[in-house]
Amino acid sequence: EGNLTRDPEVVQLAEGTTMTRFSIGVNRYYMNRFKEYVSEASFFVIITWGNIAESCNKYLRKGRGVRVLGRLRQERWMTKDNEPKDRVVVVAEHVEFQPERKDKEGSFEDSRPEIQIDIDPSIEIPSPDEMGIDMDSLDRVESTGGKKVKTSN
C-alpha cells in the first residue's frame, strides 16, 4: 500500500492489449534500538495488464493512494550496449484505489471513484521479450495525460 510517485505510463501493444506501469512509494515507520522513531521509504514499480491497466490509467494520478496485490517478477534484458540489466517488478493481480485526499480547503481533489479490480487468473501474461517490448525505451517514457511520449534521452 502506497502512493503513486508519478502519473501512470500506458503502452498499447499491437494485438490490442494495454499495459500500464506506475511507481508507488511506501513508508515504513518503526522504533530503532535507541527508542527513536525512524521513517524508511521504499519504491516499487507496478505493472498492470488489460482491464486493470485501462482503469489504472483512467483513474490514477501522482499522489493517489493504492493497495496492490500481485506477484513479483524479475525482468532481464540487454541494453543497446549489450549490457545485462534486471529489476524486480510487481505484476498486479488486484488493485484498490484509495479515496482522494482532501485539499487545504477541505474539499476533495477530484471526484474519481474508489474502485477495486481483479485480474482474470486464467490469463497468461507474456514476458516483455515475448511481446517485443524494448525495456530501455520504456524507461525513457514519460506520462502526459496517458499518452506515450518519448523523452530526448
N, C-alpha and C. Protein backbone atom coordinates (compact mmCIF):
# COMPACT_ATOMS: atom_id res chain seq x y z
N GLU A 1 0.85 -1.17 0.00
CA GLU A 1 0.00 0.00 0.00
C GLU A 1 0.89 1.23 0.00
N GLY A 2 0.62 2.16 -0.93
CA GLY A 2 1.43 3.36 -1.02
C GLY A 2 0.78 4.38 -1.93
N ASN A 3 1.55 5.42 -2.27
CA ASN A 3 1.07 6.49 -3.13
C ASN A 3 1.87 6.53 -4.42
N LEU A 4 1.20 6.87 -5.53
CA LEU A 4 1.88 6.98 -6.81
C LEU A 4 2.91 8.10 -6.76
N THR A 5 4.11 7.82 -7.28
CA THR A 5 5.17 8.82 -7.31
C THR A 5 5.14 9.65 -8.58
N ARG A 6 4.39 9.20 -9.58
CA ARG A 6 4.21 9.94 -10.84
C ARG A 6 2.97 9.39 -11.52
N ASP A 7 2.51 10.09 -12.56
CA ASP A 7 1.35 9.62 -13.31
C ASP A 7 1.66 8.29 -13.99
N PRO A 8 0.66 7.44 -14.20
CA PRO A 8 0.88 6.16 -14.87
C PRO A 8 1.35 6.35 -16.32
N GLU A 9 2.10 5.37 -16.81
CA GLU A 9 2.53 5.33 -18.20
C GLU A 9 1.78 4.19 -18.87
N VAL A 10 1.18 4.46 -20.03
CA VAL A 10 0.38 3.44 -20.71
C VAL A 10 1.05 3.07 -22.03
N VAL A 11 0.99 1.78 -22.36
CA VAL A 11 1.51 1.27 -23.64
C VAL A 11 0.42 0.41 -24.26
N GLN A 12 0.04 0.72 -25.49
CA GLN A 12 -0.90 -0.11 -26.25
C GLN A 12 -0.07 -1.04 -27.13
N LEU A 13 -0.22 -2.33 -26.94
CA LEU A 13 0.53 -3.30 -27.73
C LEU A 13 -0.21 -3.56 -29.04
N ALA A 14 0.51 -4.07 -30.02
CA ALA A 14 -0.04 -4.26 -31.36
C ALA A 14 -1.30 -5.11 -31.37
N GLU A 15 -1.36 -6.13 -30.54
CA GLU A 15 -2.53 -7.02 -30.55
C GLU A 15 -3.70 -6.45 -29.76
N GLY A 16 -3.59 -5.20 -29.27
CA GLY A 16 -4.70 -4.55 -28.58
C GLY A 16 -4.64 -4.62 -27.07
N THR A 17 -3.66 -5.32 -26.52
CA THR A 17 -3.52 -5.41 -25.07
C THR A 17 -2.96 -4.10 -24.52
N THR A 18 -3.47 -3.70 -23.36
CA THR A 18 -2.99 -2.48 -22.70
C THR A 18 -2.12 -2.86 -21.51
N MET A 19 -0.97 -2.19 -21.39
CA MET A 19 -0.11 -2.33 -20.23
C MET A 19 0.06 -0.94 -19.62
N THR A 20 -0.12 -0.84 -18.32
CA THR A 20 0.12 0.42 -17.62
C THR A 20 1.14 0.16 -16.53
N ARG A 21 2.08 1.09 -16.42
CA ARG A 21 3.14 0.98 -15.42
C ARG A 21 3.12 2.23 -14.56
N PHE A 22 3.27 2.03 -13.25
CA PHE A 22 3.40 3.17 -12.35
C PHE A 22 4.28 2.78 -11.17
N SER A 23 4.75 3.77 -10.45
CA SER A 23 5.58 3.53 -9.28
C SER A 23 4.86 4.01 -8.04
N ILE A 24 5.06 3.28 -6.95
CA ILE A 24 4.50 3.74 -5.68
C ILE A 24 5.61 3.87 -4.65
N GLY A 25 5.42 4.81 -3.76
CA GLY A 25 6.29 4.97 -2.61
C GLY A 25 5.58 4.44 -1.38
N VAL A 26 6.28 3.66 -0.59
CA VAL A 26 5.71 3.05 0.60
C VAL A 26 6.54 3.49 1.80
N ASN A 27 5.89 4.05 2.80
CA ASN A 27 6.58 4.48 4.01
C ASN A 27 6.45 3.44 5.11
N ARG A 28 7.54 3.21 5.80
CA ARG A 28 7.56 2.30 6.95
C ARG A 28 8.09 3.09 8.14
N TYR A 29 7.38 3.01 9.23
CA TYR A 29 7.79 3.70 10.45
C TYR A 29 8.06 2.66 11.53
N TYR A 30 9.16 2.83 12.24
CA TYR A 30 9.47 1.89 13.30
C TYR A 30 10.36 2.58 14.34
N MET A 31 10.50 1.93 15.49
CA MET A 31 11.36 2.44 16.54
C MET A 31 12.64 1.62 16.53
N ASN A 32 13.78 2.31 16.45
CA ASN A 32 15.06 1.59 16.43
C ASN A 32 15.49 1.21 17.84
N ARG A 33 16.66 0.61 17.95
CA ARG A 33 17.11 0.11 19.25
C ARG A 33 17.42 1.23 20.24
N PHE A 34 17.53 2.48 19.74
CA PHE A 34 17.76 3.64 20.62
C PHE A 34 16.46 4.33 21.01
N LYS A 35 15.34 3.64 20.72
CA LYS A 35 13.99 4.16 21.02
C LYS A 35 13.68 5.45 20.25
N GLU A 36 14.26 5.57 19.04
CA GLU A 36 13.98 6.71 18.17
C GLU A 36 13.07 6.24 17.04
N TYR A 37 12.11 7.08 16.68
CA TYR A 37 11.25 6.75 15.56
C TYR A 37 11.98 7.01 14.26
N VAL A 38 11.92 6.05 13.36
CA VAL A 38 12.61 6.13 12.09
C VAL A 38 11.60 5.96 10.96
N SER A 39 11.76 6.76 9.92
CA SER A 39 10.92 6.65 8.73
C SER A 39 11.79 6.11 7.60
N GLU A 40 11.26 5.12 6.89
CA GLU A 40 12.00 4.49 5.80
C GLU A 40 11.09 4.42 4.58
N ALA A 41 11.57 4.89 3.44
CA ALA A 41 10.76 4.87 2.22
C ALA A 41 11.31 3.83 1.25
N SER A 42 10.40 3.10 0.61
CA SER A 42 10.75 2.14 -0.44
C SER A 42 9.91 2.47 -1.66
N PHE A 43 10.44 2.14 -2.84
CA PHE A 43 9.75 2.46 -4.09
C PHE A 43 9.64 1.20 -4.94
N PHE A 44 8.46 0.99 -5.53
CA PHE A 44 8.19 -0.23 -6.29
C PHE A 44 7.56 0.12 -7.63
N VAL A 45 7.98 -0.60 -8.68
CA VAL A 45 7.36 -0.48 -10.00
C VAL A 45 6.22 -1.48 -10.07
N ILE A 46 5.04 -1.01 -10.48
CA ILE A 46 3.86 -1.86 -10.60
C ILE A 46 3.50 -1.96 -12.08
N ILE A 47 3.26 -3.18 -12.57
CA ILE A 47 2.85 -3.42 -13.95
C ILE A 47 1.42 -3.96 -13.92
N THR A 48 0.55 -3.38 -14.74
CA THR A 48 -0.83 -3.85 -14.83
C THR A 48 -1.15 -4.16 -16.29
N TRP A 49 -2.10 -5.06 -16.50
CA TRP A 49 -2.46 -5.52 -17.84
C TRP A 49 -3.97 -5.46 -18.04
N GLY A 50 -4.39 -5.33 -19.30
CA GLY A 50 -5.80 -5.46 -19.68
C GLY A 50 -6.70 -4.45 -19.01
N ASN A 51 -7.83 -4.94 -18.45
CA ASN A 51 -8.82 -4.06 -17.82
C ASN A 51 -8.25 -3.31 -16.63
N ILE A 52 -7.39 -3.97 -15.86
CA ILE A 52 -6.77 -3.28 -14.73
C ILE A 52 -5.93 -2.12 -15.24
N ALA A 53 -5.16 -2.36 -16.29
CA ALA A 53 -4.30 -1.31 -16.85
C ALA A 53 -5.12 -0.13 -17.34
N GLU A 54 -6.22 -0.40 -18.02
CA GLU A 54 -7.06 0.68 -18.53
C GLU A 54 -7.65 1.50 -17.39
N SER A 55 -8.12 0.84 -16.34
CA SER A 55 -8.69 1.56 -15.19
C SER A 55 -7.62 2.34 -14.43
N CYS A 56 -6.45 1.75 -14.27
CA CYS A 56 -5.37 2.47 -13.59
C CYS A 56 -4.99 3.73 -14.36
N ASN A 57 -4.90 3.63 -15.68
CA ASN A 57 -4.57 4.80 -16.48
C ASN A 57 -5.66 5.86 -16.39
N LYS A 58 -6.90 5.42 -16.32
CA LYS A 58 -8.04 6.35 -16.29
C LYS A 58 -8.17 7.06 -14.95
N TYR A 59 -7.99 6.34 -13.84
CA TYR A 59 -8.31 6.88 -12.53
C TYR A 59 -7.12 7.30 -11.67
N LEU A 60 -5.93 6.78 -11.95
CA LEU A 60 -4.80 7.08 -11.07
C LEU A 60 -4.00 8.28 -11.56
N ARG A 61 -3.50 9.05 -10.61
CA ARG A 61 -2.61 10.17 -10.87
C ARG A 61 -1.61 10.24 -9.73
N LYS A 62 -0.54 10.97 -9.95
CA LYS A 62 0.50 11.14 -8.94
C LYS A 62 -0.13 11.54 -7.61
N GLY A 63 0.31 10.86 -6.54
CA GLY A 63 -0.16 11.16 -5.20
C GLY A 63 -1.33 10.29 -4.73
N ARG A 64 -2.04 9.66 -5.65
CA ARG A 64 -3.21 8.84 -5.29
C ARG A 64 -2.75 7.60 -4.54
N GLY A 65 -3.46 7.24 -3.51
CA GLY A 65 -3.15 6.05 -2.73
C GLY A 65 -3.72 4.80 -3.37
N VAL A 66 -2.95 3.72 -3.34
CA VAL A 66 -3.41 2.43 -3.88
C VAL A 66 -2.96 1.31 -2.95
N ARG A 67 -3.71 0.23 -3.01
CA ARG A 67 -3.32 -1.03 -2.38
C ARG A 67 -3.21 -2.03 -3.52
N VAL A 68 -2.06 -2.68 -3.63
CA VAL A 68 -1.78 -3.59 -4.74
C VAL A 68 -1.47 -4.97 -4.21
N LEU A 69 -2.12 -5.98 -4.78
CA LEU A 69 -1.78 -7.37 -4.52
C LEU A 69 -1.31 -7.96 -5.84
N GLY A 70 -0.21 -8.68 -5.80
CA GLY A 70 0.30 -9.25 -7.04
C GLY A 70 1.44 -10.19 -6.77
N ARG A 71 2.17 -10.44 -7.83
CA ARG A 71 3.31 -11.35 -7.72
C ARG A 71 4.56 -10.62 -8.17
N LEU A 72 5.70 -11.07 -7.67
CA LEU A 72 6.97 -10.49 -8.06
C LEU A 72 7.46 -11.15 -9.34
N ARG A 73 8.03 -10.35 -10.22
CA ARG A 73 8.61 -10.89 -11.45
C ARG A 73 9.93 -10.18 -11.71
N GLN A 74 10.96 -10.98 -11.97
CA GLN A 74 12.25 -10.39 -12.32
C GLN A 74 12.31 -10.24 -13.83
N GLU A 75 12.60 -9.03 -14.27
CA GLU A 75 12.73 -8.76 -15.71
C GLU A 75 14.21 -8.65 -16.04
N ARG A 76 14.61 -9.30 -17.10
CA ARG A 76 16.00 -9.26 -17.56
C ARG A 76 16.02 -8.86 -19.01
N TRP A 77 16.98 -8.02 -19.39
CA TRP A 77 17.12 -7.59 -20.77
C TRP A 77 18.54 -7.09 -21.01
N MET A 78 18.86 -6.91 -22.27
CA MET A 78 20.17 -6.40 -22.67
C MET A 78 19.98 -4.98 -23.20
N THR A 79 20.87 -4.08 -22.80
CA THR A 79 20.81 -2.72 -23.31
C THR A 79 21.35 -2.70 -24.73
N LYS A 80 21.23 -1.56 -25.36
CA LYS A 80 21.77 -1.42 -26.72
C LYS A 80 23.29 -1.58 -26.74
N ASP A 81 23.92 -1.34 -25.58
CA ASP A 81 25.37 -1.52 -25.46
C ASP A 81 25.73 -2.93 -25.01
N ASN A 82 24.78 -3.85 -25.12
CA ASN A 82 24.97 -5.26 -24.76
C ASN A 82 25.30 -5.46 -23.28
N GLU A 83 24.76 -4.60 -22.44
CA GLU A 83 24.96 -4.71 -21.00
C GLU A 83 23.71 -5.34 -20.38
N PRO A 84 23.88 -6.40 -19.57
CA PRO A 84 22.70 -7.03 -18.96
C PRO A 84 22.10 -6.14 -17.87
N LYS A 85 20.80 -6.08 -17.84
CA LYS A 85 20.06 -5.32 -16.82
C LYS A 85 18.98 -6.21 -16.25
N ASP A 86 18.58 -5.92 -15.02
CA ASP A 86 17.45 -6.63 -14.43
C ASP A 86 16.82 -5.77 -13.35
N ARG A 87 15.59 -6.09 -13.03
CA ARG A 87 14.87 -5.43 -11.94
C ARG A 87 13.71 -6.32 -11.55
N VAL A 88 13.23 -6.13 -10.35
CA VAL A 88 12.06 -6.86 -9.86
C VAL A 88 10.89 -5.89 -9.88
N VAL A 89 9.78 -6.32 -10.47
CA VAL A 89 8.56 -5.52 -10.53
C VAL A 89 7.43 -6.31 -9.88
N VAL A 90 6.36 -5.61 -9.55
CA VAL A 90 5.15 -6.25 -9.04
C VAL A 90 4.14 -6.29 -10.18
N VAL A 91 3.71 -7.49 -10.57
CA VAL A 91 2.65 -7.64 -11.57
C VAL A 91 1.35 -7.70 -10.78
N ALA A 92 0.53 -6.66 -10.93
CA ALA A 92 -0.68 -6.53 -10.11
C ALA A 92 -1.75 -7.51 -10.55
N GLU A 93 -2.33 -8.19 -9.59
CA GLU A 93 -3.47 -9.07 -9.82
C GLU A 93 -4.74 -8.48 -9.21
N HIS A 94 -4.58 -7.50 -8.33
CA HIS A 94 -5.71 -6.81 -7.69
C HIS A 94 -5.22 -5.41 -7.31
N VAL A 95 -6.01 -4.40 -7.65
CA VAL A 95 -5.66 -3.01 -7.31
C VAL A 95 -6.87 -2.35 -6.66
N GLU A 96 -6.66 -1.76 -5.51
CA GLU A 96 -7.70 -0.96 -4.85
C GLU A 96 -7.27 0.49 -4.90
N PHE A 97 -8.15 1.35 -5.41
CA PHE A 97 -7.88 2.78 -5.44
C PHE A 97 -8.39 3.38 -4.14
N GLN A 98 -7.54 4.07 -3.42
CA GLN A 98 -7.94 4.70 -2.17
C GLN A 98 -8.68 6.01 -2.47
N PRO A 99 -9.55 6.44 -1.56
CA PRO A 99 -10.26 7.71 -1.78
C PRO A 99 -9.27 8.86 -1.92
N GLU A 100 -9.66 9.86 -2.70
CA GLU A 100 -8.81 11.04 -2.85
C GLU A 100 -8.68 11.75 -1.52
N ARG A 101 -7.53 12.37 -1.31
CA ARG A 101 -7.32 13.15 -0.09
C ARG A 101 -7.94 14.54 -0.23
N LYS A 102 -8.29 15.11 0.90
CA LYS A 102 -8.84 16.47 0.88
C LYS A 102 -7.71 17.48 0.71
N ASP A 103 -7.99 18.57 -0.02
CA ASP A 103 -7.00 19.63 -0.14
C ASP A 103 -7.08 20.54 1.08
N LYS A 104 -6.31 21.63 1.10
CA LYS A 104 -6.24 22.51 2.26
C LYS A 104 -7.58 23.14 2.62
N GLU A 105 -8.44 23.36 1.63
CA GLU A 105 -9.75 23.97 1.89
C GLU A 105 -10.78 22.95 2.37
N GLY A 106 -10.42 21.68 2.42
CA GLY A 106 -11.33 20.66 2.92
C GLY A 106 -12.17 19.99 1.85
N SER A 107 -11.98 20.36 0.58
CA SER A 107 -12.73 19.70 -0.48
C SER A 107 -11.86 18.62 -1.11
N PHE A 108 -12.49 17.66 -1.75
CA PHE A 108 -11.74 16.59 -2.38
C PHE A 108 -11.07 17.08 -3.65
N GLU A 109 -9.89 16.52 -3.95
CA GLU A 109 -9.12 16.94 -5.11
C GLU A 109 -9.85 16.66 -6.41
N ASP A 110 -10.52 15.53 -6.52
CA ASP A 110 -11.33 15.24 -7.69
C ASP A 110 -12.40 14.23 -7.32
N SER A 111 -13.23 13.88 -8.27
CA SER A 111 -14.38 13.03 -7.96
C SER A 111 -14.20 11.61 -8.47
N ARG A 112 -12.97 11.17 -8.68
CA ARG A 112 -12.76 9.81 -9.16
C ARG A 112 -13.21 8.82 -8.11
N PRO A 113 -13.95 7.79 -8.50
CA PRO A 113 -14.49 6.86 -7.51
C PRO A 113 -13.44 5.90 -6.98
N GLU A 114 -13.70 5.36 -5.80
CA GLU A 114 -12.88 4.28 -5.27
C GLU A 114 -13.38 3.00 -5.91
N ILE A 115 -12.48 2.25 -6.56
CA ILE A 115 -12.90 1.02 -7.22
C ILE A 115 -11.89 -0.08 -6.93
N GLN A 116 -12.32 -1.31 -7.11
CA GLN A 116 -11.45 -2.47 -6.98
C GLN A 116 -11.54 -3.26 -8.28
N ILE A 117 -10.39 -3.76 -8.72
CA ILE A 117 -10.33 -4.51 -9.96
C ILE A 117 -9.50 -5.76 -9.72
N ASP A 118 -9.97 -6.89 -10.20
CA ASP A 118 -9.22 -8.13 -10.11
C ASP A 118 -8.89 -8.61 -11.52
N ILE A 119 -7.72 -9.23 -11.66
CA ILE A 119 -7.32 -9.79 -12.95
C ILE A 119 -7.86 -11.21 -13.07
N ASP A 120 -8.16 -11.61 -14.28
CA ASP A 120 -8.60 -12.98 -14.56
C ASP A 120 -7.39 -13.89 -14.40
N PRO A 121 -7.36 -14.80 -13.42
CA PRO A 121 -6.18 -15.63 -13.18
C PRO A 121 -5.86 -16.59 -14.32
N SER A 122 -6.79 -16.80 -15.24
CA SER A 122 -6.53 -17.72 -16.35
C SER A 122 -5.71 -17.05 -17.45
N ILE A 123 -5.54 -15.74 -17.39
CA ILE A 123 -4.77 -15.03 -18.42
C ILE A 123 -3.29 -15.29 -18.20
N GLU A 124 -2.60 -15.77 -19.22
CA GLU A 124 -1.16 -15.98 -19.16
C GLU A 124 -0.49 -14.70 -19.65
N ILE A 125 0.30 -14.09 -18.80
CA ILE A 125 0.93 -12.82 -19.13
C ILE A 125 2.33 -13.10 -19.68
N PRO A 126 2.59 -12.71 -20.93
CA PRO A 126 3.90 -12.95 -21.53
C PRO A 126 4.95 -12.00 -20.96
N SER A 127 6.21 -12.37 -21.12
CA SER A 127 7.30 -11.51 -20.68
C SER A 127 7.45 -10.35 -21.68
N PRO A 128 8.13 -9.27 -21.29
CA PRO A 128 8.34 -8.16 -22.22
C PRO A 128 9.05 -8.60 -23.50
N ASP A 129 10.04 -9.51 -23.37
CA ASP A 129 10.75 -10.01 -24.55
C ASP A 129 9.80 -10.72 -25.52
N GLU A 130 8.88 -11.54 -24.99
CA GLU A 130 7.94 -12.27 -25.84
C GLU A 130 7.00 -11.33 -26.59
N MET A 131 6.79 -10.13 -26.03
CA MET A 131 5.90 -9.16 -26.68
C MET A 131 6.66 -8.16 -27.52
N GLY A 132 7.99 -8.27 -27.54
CA GLY A 132 8.78 -7.34 -28.34
C GLY A 132 8.88 -5.95 -27.73
N ILE A 133 8.77 -5.86 -26.39
CA ILE A 133 8.87 -4.56 -25.72
C ILE A 133 10.33 -4.28 -25.41
N ASP A 134 10.81 -3.12 -25.85
CA ASP A 134 12.17 -2.68 -25.57
C ASP A 134 12.18 -2.02 -24.20
N MET A 135 12.72 -2.71 -23.19
CA MET A 135 12.69 -2.21 -21.82
C MET A 135 13.43 -0.89 -21.67
N ASP A 136 14.51 -0.68 -22.45
CA ASP A 136 15.24 0.58 -22.37
C ASP A 136 14.36 1.75 -22.79
N SER A 137 13.56 1.57 -23.84
CA SER A 137 12.71 2.68 -24.29
C SER A 137 11.60 2.94 -23.30
N LEU A 138 11.11 1.91 -22.59
CA LEU A 138 10.08 2.13 -21.57
C LEU A 138 10.62 2.97 -20.44
N ASP A 139 11.89 2.80 -20.11
CA ASP A 139 12.47 3.57 -19.02
C ASP A 139 12.59 5.05 -19.39
N ARG A 140 12.52 5.38 -20.67
CA ARG A 140 12.63 6.77 -21.10
C ARG A 140 11.29 7.33 -21.54
N VAL A 141 10.20 6.73 -21.08
CA VAL A 141 8.87 7.21 -21.43
C VAL A 141 8.33 8.02 -20.27
N GLU A 142 7.75 9.18 -20.56
CA GLU A 142 7.10 9.94 -19.50
C GLU A 142 5.61 9.96 -19.78
N SER A 143 4.85 10.20 -18.75
CA SER A 143 3.40 10.24 -18.92
C SER A 143 2.95 11.66 -19.17
N THR A 144 2.10 11.82 -20.16
CA THR A 144 1.50 13.12 -20.45
C THR A 144 0.02 12.88 -20.63
N GLY A 145 -0.68 12.74 -19.52
CA GLY A 145 -2.11 12.51 -19.58
C GLY A 145 -2.47 11.19 -20.20
N GLY A 146 -1.65 10.17 -20.02
CA GLY A 146 -1.95 8.85 -20.53
C GLY A 146 -1.44 8.60 -21.93
N LYS A 147 -0.77 9.59 -22.55
CA LYS A 147 -0.23 9.41 -23.90
C LYS A 147 1.25 9.07 -23.80
N LYS A 148 1.70 8.14 -24.61
CA LYS A 148 3.09 7.71 -24.59
C LYS A 148 3.93 8.69 -25.40
N VAL A 149 4.92 9.32 -24.76
CA VAL A 149 5.78 10.29 -25.42
C VAL A 149 7.21 9.99 -25.01
N LYS A 150 8.10 9.82 -25.97
CA LYS A 150 9.49 9.55 -25.65
C LYS A 150 10.21 10.85 -25.30
N THR A 151 11.12 10.76 -24.33
CA THR A 151 11.93 11.91 -23.97
C THR A 151 13.15 11.94 -24.87
N SER A 152 13.98 12.95 -24.73
CA SER A 152 15.13 13.10 -25.61
C SER A 152 16.35 12.34 -25.15
N ASN A 153 16.25 11.48 -24.16
CA ASN A 153 17.40 10.71 -23.66
C ASN A 153 17.95 9.82 -24.72
